[in-house]
C-alpha atoms as a PDB file:
ATOM      1  CA  UNK A   1     -63.171  47.884 -71.238  1.00  0.00           C
ATOM      2  CA  UNK A   2     -59.425  47.558 -71.590  1.00  0.00           C
ATOM      3  CA  UNK A   3     -58.070  44.120 -72.434  1.00  0.00           C
ATOM      4  CA  UNK A   4     -55.960  44.040 -69.258  1.00  0.00           C
ATOM      5  CA  UNK A   5     -57.735  43.119 -66.011  1.00  0.00           C
ATOM      6  CA  UNK A   6     -56.161  43.345 -62.557  1.00  0.00           C
ATOM      7  CA  UNK A   7     -57.413  42.254 -59.138  1.00  0.00           C
ATOM      8  CA  UNK A   8     -56.401  44.185 -56.023  1.00  0.00           C
ATOM      9  CA  UNK A   9     -56.791  42.508 -52.637  1.00  0.00           C
ATOM     10  CA  UNK A  10     -57.008  44.851 -49.671  1.00  0.00           C
ATOM     11  CA  UNK A  11     -58.100  47.587 -52.030  1.00  0.00           C
ATOM     12  CA  UNK A  12     -59.629  49.776 -49.320  1.00  0.00           C
ATOM     13  CA  UNK A  13     -56.462  50.400 -47.337  1.00  0.00           C
ATOM     14  CA  UNK A  14     -54.292  53.452 -47.956  1.00  0.00           C
ATOM     15  CA  UNK A  15     -51.972  51.632 -50.349  1.00  0.00           C
ATOM     16  CA  UNK A  16     -54.827  49.735 -51.989  1.00  0.00           C
ATOM     17  CA  UNK A  17     -56.642  52.978 -52.761  1.00  0.00           C
ATOM     18  CA  UNK A  18     -53.488  54.520 -54.203  1.00  0.00           C
ATOM     19  CA  UNK A  19     -53.003  51.513 -56.473  1.00  0.00           C
ATOM     20  CA  UNK A  20     -56.658  51.590 -57.500  1.00  0.00           C
ATOM     21  CA  UNK A  21     -56.453  55.260 -58.455  1.00  0.00           C
ATOM     22  CA  UNK A  22     -53.237  54.722 -60.405  1.00  0.00           C
ATOM     23  CA  UNK A  23     -54.661  51.675 -62.181  1.00  0.00           C
ATOM     24  CA  UNK A  24     -57.794  53.531 -63.229  1.00  0.00           C
ATOM     25  CA  UNK A  25     -55.643  56.425 -64.376  1.00  0.00           C
ATOM     26  CA  UNK A  26     -53.712  53.989 -66.565  1.00  0.00           C
ATOM     27  CA  UNK A  27     -56.943  52.736 -68.139  1.00  0.00           C
ATOM     28  CA  UNK A  28     -56.869  49.296 -66.525  1.00  0.00           C
ATOM     29  CA  UNK A  29     -59.965  47.273 -65.662  1.00  0.00           C
ATOM     30  CA  UNK A  30     -60.023  46.584 -61.922  1.00  0.00           C
ATOM     31  CA  UNK A  31     -61.616  44.228 -59.408  1.00  0.00           C
ATOM     32  CA  UNK A  32     -61.261  45.080 -55.719  1.00  0.00           C
ATOM     33  CA  UNK A  33     -61.403  42.213 -53.219  1.00  0.00           C
ATOM     34  CA  UNK A  34     -61.576  43.224 -49.571  1.00  0.00           C
ATOM     35  CA  UNK A  35     -62.836  42.062 -46.199  1.00  0.00           C
ATOM     36  CA  UNK A  36     -64.478  45.459 -45.689  1.00  0.00           C
ATOM     37  CA  UNK A  37     -67.980  46.024 -46.984  1.00  0.00           C
ATOM     38  CA  UNK A  38     -70.143  48.974 -47.923  1.00  0.00           C
ATOM     39  CA  UNK A  39     -67.687  50.834 -50.152  1.00  0.00           C
ATOM     40  CA  UNK A  40     -69.012  52.396 -53.341  1.00  0.00           C
ATOM     41  CA  UNK A  41     -67.087  51.262 -56.402  1.00  0.00           C
ATOM     42  CA  UNK A  42     -65.989  53.728 -59.083  1.00  0.00           C
ATOM     43  CA  UNK A  43     -67.619  53.222 -62.471  1.00  0.00           C
ATOM     44  CA  UNK A  44     -66.499  49.989 -64.105  1.00  0.00           C
ATOM     45  CA  UNK A  45     -64.809  48.588 -60.974  1.00  0.00           C
ATOM     46  CA  UNK A  46     -65.980  45.238 -59.617  1.00  0.00           C
ATOM     47  CA  UNK A  47     -66.358  45.588 -55.854  1.00  0.00           C
ATOM     48  CA  UNK A  48     -66.201  42.311 -53.908  1.00  0.00           C
ATOM     49  CA  UNK A  49     -66.615  43.116 -50.219  1.00  0.00           C
ATOM     50  CA  UNK A  50     -66.939  40.820 -47.237  1.00  0.00           C
ATOM     51  CA  UNK A  51     -64.334  38.390 -48.586  1.00  0.00           C
ATOM     52  CA  UNK A  52     -62.158  36.616 -46.022  1.00  0.00           C
ATOM     53  CA  UNK A  53     -59.050  35.651 -47.980  1.00  0.00           C
ATOM     54  CA  UNK A  54     -57.758  33.574 -45.072  1.00  0.00           C
ATOM     55  CA  UNK A  55     -60.479  31.134 -46.216  1.00  0.00           C
ATOM     56  CA  UNK A  56     -59.401  29.313 -49.382  1.00  0.00           C
ATOM     57  CA  UNK A  57     -62.977  28.651 -50.478  1.00  0.00           C
ATOM     58  CA  UNK A  58     -63.897  32.328 -50.257  1.00  0.00           C
ATOM     59  CA  UNK A  59     -60.807  33.184 -52.278  1.00  0.00           C
ATOM     60  CA  UNK A  60     -61.810  30.706 -54.982  1.00  0.00           C
ATOM     61  CA  UNK A  61     -65.325  32.159 -55.122  1.00  0.00           C
ATOM     62  CA  UNK A  62     -64.019  35.723 -55.366  1.00  0.00           C
ATOM     63  CA  UNK A  63     -61.824  35.022 -58.362  1.00  0.00           C
ATOM     64  CA  UNK A  64     -64.573  33.034 -60.046  1.00  0.00           C
ATOM     65  CA  UNK A  65     -66.674  36.201 -59.711  1.00  0.00           C
ATOM     66  CA  UNK A  66     -63.922  38.269 -61.333  1.00  0.00           C
ATOM     67  CA  UNK A  67     -63.863  35.906 -64.300  1.00  0.00           C
ATOM     68  CA  UNK A  68     -67.640  35.881 -64.422  1.00  0.00           C
ATOM     69  CA  UNK A  69     -67.634  39.671 -64.757  1.00  0.00           C
ATOM     70  CA  UNK A  70     -64.630  40.307 -66.999  1.00  0.00           C
ATOM     71  CA  UNK A  71     -63.839  36.957 -68.590  1.00  0.00           C
ATOM     72  CA  UNK A  72     -60.112  37.134 -67.859  1.00  0.00           C
ATOM     73  CA  UNK A  73     -57.465  38.060 -65.293  1.00  0.00           C
ATOM     74  CA  UNK A  74     -54.011  39.401 -66.097  1.00  0.00           C
ATOM     75  CA  UNK A  75     -52.562  40.503 -62.762  1.00  0.00           C
ATOM     76  CA  UNK A  76     -53.059  39.895 -59.059  1.00  0.00           C
ATOM     77  CA  UNK A  77     -51.864  42.508 -56.582  1.00  0.00           C
ATOM     78  CA  UNK A  78     -51.735  40.983 -53.095  1.00  0.00           C
ATOM     79  CA  UNK A  79     -52.053  44.079 -50.920  1.00  0.00           C
ATOM     80  CA  UNK A  80     -54.288  42.623 -48.193  1.00  0.00           C
ATOM     81  CA  UNK A  81     -52.469  42.403 -44.874  1.00  0.00           C
ATOM     82  CA  UNK A  82     -52.099  43.775 -41.394  1.00  0.00           C
ATOM     83  CA  UNK A  83     -49.542  45.042 -38.890  1.00  0.00           C
ATOM     84  CA  UNK A  84     -49.016  44.751 -35.165  1.00  0.00           C
ATOM     85  CA  UNK A  85     -46.028  45.837 -33.060  1.00  0.00           C
ATOM     86  CA  UNK A  86     -45.599  43.218 -30.362  1.00  0.00           C
ATOM     87  CA  UNK A  87     -42.755  41.847 -28.283  1.00  0.00           C
ATOM     88  CA  UNK A  88     -42.310  38.100 -27.965  1.00  0.00           C
ATOM     89  CA  UNK A  89     -43.372  38.016 -24.290  1.00  0.00           C
ATOM     90  CA  UNK A  90     -46.775  39.610 -24.966  1.00  0.00           C
ATOM     91  CA  UNK A  91     -49.607  37.830 -23.154  1.00  0.00           C
ATOM     92  CA  UNK A  92     -51.725  37.544 -26.328  1.00  0.00           C
ATOM     93  CA  UNK A  93     -49.321  36.473 -29.101  1.00  0.00           C
ATOM     94  CA  UNK A  94     -50.159  37.746 -32.581  1.00  0.00           C
ATOM     95  CA  UNK A  95     -47.910  35.416 -34.572  1.00  0.00           C
ATOM     96  CA  UNK A  96     -50.743  33.308 -35.988  1.00  0.00           C
ATOM     97  CA  UNK A  97     -52.833  36.396 -36.775  1.00  0.00           C
ATOM     98  CA  UNK A  98     -49.974  38.049 -38.660  1.00  0.00           C
ATOM     99  CA  UNK A  99     -49.351  34.855 -40.627  1.00  0.00           C
ATOM    100  CA  UNK A 100     -53.042  34.649 -41.523  1.00  0.00           C
ATOM    101  CA  UNK A 101     -53.446  38.288 -42.567  1.00  0.00           C
ATOM    102  CA  UNK A 102     -50.202  38.639 -44.491  1.00  0.00           C
ATOM    103  CA  UNK A 103     -49.184  35.202 -45.746  1.00  0.00           C
ATOM    104  CA  UNK A 104     -52.340  33.071 -45.898  1.00  0.00           C
ATOM    105  CA  UNK A 105     -54.213  35.795 -47.792  1.00  0.00           C
ATOM    106  CA  UNK A 106     -51.459  35.959 -50.414  1.00  0.00           C
ATOM    107  CA  UNK A 107     -51.250  32.168 -50.709  1.00  0.00           C
ATOM    108  CA  UNK A 108     -55.007  31.687 -51.043  1.00  0.00           C
ATOM    109  CA  UNK A 109     -55.440  34.535 -53.521  1.00  0.00           C
ATOM    110  CA  UNK A 110     -52.508  33.336 -55.624  1.00  0.00           C
ATOM    111  CA  UNK A 111     -53.751  29.744 -55.725  1.00  0.00           C
ATOM    112  CA  UNK A 112     -57.247  30.892 -56.677  1.00  0.00           C
ATOM    113  CA  UNK A 113     -55.996  33.267 -59.374  1.00  0.00           C
ATOM    114  CA  UNK A 114     -53.339  31.059 -60.957  1.00  0.00           C
ATOM    115  CA  UNK A 115     -55.560  29.057 -63.343  1.00  0.00           C
ATOM    116  CA  UNK A 116     -56.734  32.322 -64.870  1.00  0.00           C
ATOM    117  CA  UNK A 117     -53.366  34.095 -64.822  1.00  0.00           C
ATOM    118  CA  UNK A 118     -51.768  31.203 -66.699  1.00  0.00           C
ATOM    119  CA  UNK A 119     -54.104  31.862 -69.628  1.00  0.00           C
ATOM    120  CA  UNK A 120     -52.984  35.486 -69.886  1.00  0.00           C
ATOM    121  CA  UNK A 121     -50.171  36.267 -72.341  1.00  0.00           C
ATOM    122  CA  UNK A 122     -48.564  38.388 -69.591  1.00  0.00           C
ATOM    123  CA  UNK A 123     -49.742  37.112 -66.201  1.00  0.00           C
ATOM    124  CA  UNK A 124     -48.453  38.881 -63.096  1.00  0.00           C
ATOM    125  CA  UNK A 125     -48.492  38.470 -59.323  1.00  0.00           C
ATOM    126  CA  UNK A 126     -47.166  41.293 -57.161  1.00  0.00           C
ATOM    127  CA  UNK A 127     -46.853  40.757 -53.418  1.00  0.00           C
ATOM    128  CA  UNK A 128     -46.186  43.196 -50.581  1.00  0.00           C
ATOM    129  CA  UNK A 129     -43.190  42.218 -48.503  1.00  0.00           C
ATOM    130  CA  UNK A 130     -41.322  44.423 -46.057  1.00  0.00           C
ATOM    131  CA  UNK A 131     -37.852  45.900 -45.859  1.00  0.00           C
ATOM    132  CA  UNK A 132     -38.144  45.687 -42.060  1.00  0.00           C
ATOM    133  CA  UNK A 133     -38.502  41.907 -42.292  1.00  0.00           C
ATOM    134  CA  UNK A 134     -34.924  41.570 -43.547  1.00  0.00           C
ATOM    135  CA  UNK A 135     -33.630  42.503 -40.075  1.00  0.00           C
ATOM    136  CA  UNK A 136     -36.568  42.812 -37.691  1.00  0.00           C
ATOM    137  CA  UNK A 137     -36.160  45.121 -34.731  1.00  0.00           C
ATOM    138  CA  UNK A 138     -37.751  44.858 -31.314  1.00  0.00           C
ATOM    139  CA  UNK A 139     -41.487  44.268 -31.548  1.00  0.00           C
ATOM    140  CA  UNK A 140     -41.301  43.308 -35.219  1.00  0.00           C
ATOM    141  CA  UNK A 141     -41.141  39.528 -34.751  1.00  0.00           C
ATOM    142  CA  UNK A 142     -44.723  38.509 -35.662  1.00  0.00           C
ATOM    143  CA  UNK A 143     -45.011  40.915 -38.588  1.00  0.00           C
ATOM    144  CA  UNK A 144     -41.473  40.294 -39.827  1.00  0.00           C
ATOM    145  CA  UNK A 145     -41.886  36.517 -39.761  1.00  0.00           C
ATOM    146  CA  UNK A 146     -45.093  36.766 -41.775  1.00  0.00           C
ATOM    147  CA  UNK A 147     -43.521  39.048 -44.350  1.00  0.00           C
ATOM    148  CA  UNK A 148     -40.490  36.763 -44.653  1.00  0.00           C
ATOM    149  CA  UNK A 149     -43.028  34.102 -45.527  1.00  0.00           C
ATOM    150  CA  UNK A 150     -44.324  36.385 -48.278  1.00  0.00           C
ATOM    151  CA  UNK A 151     -40.755  36.767 -49.567  1.00  0.00           C
ATOM    152  CA  UNK A 152     -40.350  32.985 -49.663  1.00  0.00           C
ATOM    153  CA  UNK A 153     -43.714  32.565 -51.380  1.00  0.00           C
ATOM    154  CA  UNK A 154     -42.678  35.097 -54.015  1.00  0.00           C
ATOM    155  CA  UNK A 155     -39.386  33.444 -54.844  1.00  0.00           C
ATOM    156  CA  UNK A 156     -40.644  29.852 -54.729  1.00  0.00           C
ATOM    157  CA  UNK A 157     -43.714  30.591 -56.861  1.00  0.00           C
ATOM    158  CA  UNK A 158     -41.599  32.501 -59.374  1.00  0.00           C
ATOM    159  CA  UNK A 159     -39.433  29.408 -59.820  1.00  0.00           C
ATOM    160  CA  UNK A 160     -42.478  27.160 -60.159  1.00  0.00           C
ATOM    161  CA  UNK A 161     -43.953  29.369 -62.879  1.00  0.00           C
ATOM    162  CA  UNK A 162     -40.886  30.017 -65.009  1.00  0.00           C
ATOM    163  CA  UNK A 163     -42.238  27.887 -67.845  1.00  0.00           C
ATOM    164  CA  UNK A 164     -45.481  29.870 -67.919  1.00  0.00           C
ATOM    165  CA  UNK A 165     -46.395  33.440 -68.838  1.00  0.00           C
ATOM    166  CA  UNK A 166     -46.705  34.389 -65.147  1.00  0.00           C
ATOM    167  CA  UNK A 167     -44.073  36.355 -63.247  1.00  0.00           C
ATOM    168  CA  UNK A 168     -44.077  36.790 -59.479  1.00  0.00           C
ATOM    169  CA  UNK A 169     -42.368  39.675 -57.694  1.00  0.00           C
ATOM    170  CA  UNK A 170     -42.645  41.572 -54.428  1.00  0.00           C
ATOM    171  CA  UNK A 171     -42.031  45.121 -53.317  1.00  0.00           C
ATOM    172  CA  UNK A 172     -40.312  45.660 -49.976  1.00  0.00           C
ATOM    173  CA  UNK A 173     -41.348  49.070 -48.659  1.00  0.00           C
ATOM    174  CA  UNK A 174     -39.970  50.717 -45.569  1.00  0.00           C
ATOM    175  CA  UNK A 175     -42.348  53.069 -43.724  1.00  0.00           C
ATOM    176  CA  UNK A 176     -45.312  54.086 -45.880  1.00  0.00           C
ATOM    177  CA  UNK A 177     -46.646  57.601 -45.390  1.00  0.00           C
ATOM    178  CA  UNK A 178     -50.094  56.856 -43.959  1.00  0.00           C
ATOM    179  CA  UNK A 179     -52.241  58.732 -41.424  1.00  0.00           C
ATOM    180  CA  UNK A 180     -51.760  55.871 -38.952  1.00  0.00           C
ATOM    181  CA  UNK A 181     -47.966  56.007 -39.219  1.00  0.00           C
ATOM    182  CA  UNK A 182     -47.968  59.783 -38.811  1.00  0.00           C
ATOM    183  CA  UNK A 183     -50.053  59.414 -35.669  1.00  0.00           C
ATOM    184  CA  UNK A 184     -47.863  56.644 -34.264  1.00  0.00           C
ATOM    185  CA  UNK A 185     -44.587  58.462 -35.047  1.00  0.00           C
ATOM    186  CA  UNK A 186     -45.314  62.177 -34.550  1.00  0.00           C
ATOM    187  CA  UNK A 187     -41.629  63.129 -34.239  1.00  0.00           C
ATOM    188  CA  UNK A 188     -40.532  61.427 -37.476  1.00  0.00           C
ATOM    189  CA  UNK A 189     -40.105  63.150 -40.830  1.00  0.00           C
ATOM    190  CA  UNK A 190     -42.708  61.668 -43.195  1.00  0.00           C
ATOM    191  CA  UNK A 191     -40.933  63.278 -46.150  1.00  0.00           C
ATOM    192  CA  UNK A 192     -38.361  60.488 -45.810  1.00  0.00           C
ATOM    193  CA  UNK A 193     -41.023  57.785 -45.997  1.00  0.00           C
ATOM    194  CA  UNK A 194     -42.531  56.146 -49.070  1.00  0.00           C
ATOM    195  CA  UNK A 195     -45.522  57.949 -50.557  1.00  0.00           C
ATOM    196  CA  UNK A 196     -48.347  55.531 -51.402  1.00  0.00           C
ATOM    197  CA  UNK A 197     -48.535  56.900 -54.954  1.00  0.00           C
ATOM    198  CA  UNK A 198     -44.819  56.233 -55.488  1.00  0.00           C
ATOM    199  CA  UNK A 199     -45.129  52.673 -54.226  1.00  0.00           C
ATOM    200  CA  UNK A 200     -48.206  52.197 -56.413  1.00  0.00           C
ATOM    201  CA  UNK A 201     -46.168  53.180 -59.465  1.00  0.00           C
ATOM    202  CA  UNK A 202     -43.602  50.458 -58.758  1.00  0.00           C
ATOM    203  CA  UNK A 203     -46.343  47.885 -58.157  1.00  0.00           C
ATOM    204  CA  UNK A 204     -48.064  48.732 -61.432  1.00  0.00           C
ATOM    205  CA  UNK A 205     -44.803  48.474 -63.337  1.00  0.00           C
ATOM    206  CA  UNK A 206     -44.288  44.970 -61.953  1.00  0.00           C
ATOM    207  CA  UNK A 207     -47.887  44.192 -62.948  1.00  0.00           C
ATOM    208  CA  UNK A 208     -47.336  45.394 -66.506  1.00  0.00           C
ATOM    209  CA  UNK A 209     -46.220  43.532 -69.630  1.00  0.00           C
ATOM    210  CA  UNK A 210     -43.040  45.642 -69.638  1.00  0.00           C
ATOM    211  CA  UNK A 211     -41.770  43.822 -66.520  1.00  0.00           C
ATOM    212  CA  UNK A 212     -41.667  40.441 -68.287  1.00  0.00           C
ATOM    213  CA  UNK A 213     -37.900  40.062 -67.751  1.00  0.00           C
ATOM    214  CA  UNK A 214     -38.274  40.342 -63.961  1.00  0.00           C
ATOM    215  CA  UNK A 215     -39.425  37.446 -61.794  1.00  0.00           C
ATOM    216  CA  UNK A 216     -38.601  36.318 -58.271  1.00  0.00           C
ATOM    217  CA  UNK A 217     -37.397  39.808 -57.395  1.00  0.00           C
ATOM    218  CA  UNK A 218     -37.730  41.390 -53.955  1.00  0.00           C
ATOM    219  CA  UNK A 219     -37.646  45.063 -54.861  1.00  0.00           C
ATOM    220  CA  UNK A 220     -36.697  47.527 -52.094  1.00  0.00           C
ATOM    221  CA  UNK A 221     -38.829  50.669 -52.086  1.00  0.00           C
ATOM    222  CA  UNK A 222     -37.462  52.476 -49.083  1.00  0.00           C
ATOM    223  CA  UNK A 223     -37.608  56.210 -49.740  1.00  0.00           C
ATOM    224  CA  UNK A 224     -34.954  58.005 -47.726  1.00  0.00           C
ATOM    225  CA  UNK A 225     -35.323  56.041 -44.508  1.00  0.00           C
END
């Protein structure tokens, strides 16, 4: 087992899987924390399914399990989240749901992981923001507001942790090249979008010891959009 242990929330989504594959390729030890269940874990990976990270107690229990298995935690990658396109006058507003899936999950996971990350010589938190949140278009209100909350969490927590070993940064992707996005936007050119593997590479750099001089950064990863 490598000395460096990372936890990936939302590890069964398209981006989460890309990060998992890249992390294993880099020789990292990985725990995957996800609401989904029934996924087979690659050799050496701790699979924690059925975890609702909108519940602070479940988040605490999940990270206690990571420590119980590996004895340490060096980086938290907050990839868990969700997306909905919805105008403000929709009859079933999704604002609270977007806040729960995107912001509350990151807050709860970060709070649960922090005691362990602070004991690492090079602790890291990497969040997933959104370039679209900087100037939300029509239908992007609920999602954009939640991701702006993630941006604020990133910058505030980075300031709070400046006297520790832990850095906190976020990537701000534009459109990620996923099967769902290709289906929803059949006339777009996915070659201009962000490949999950390319975004994973940026995330893993921010999770590495080499990124120690960077904290509180909101890093655009926007392809050619």
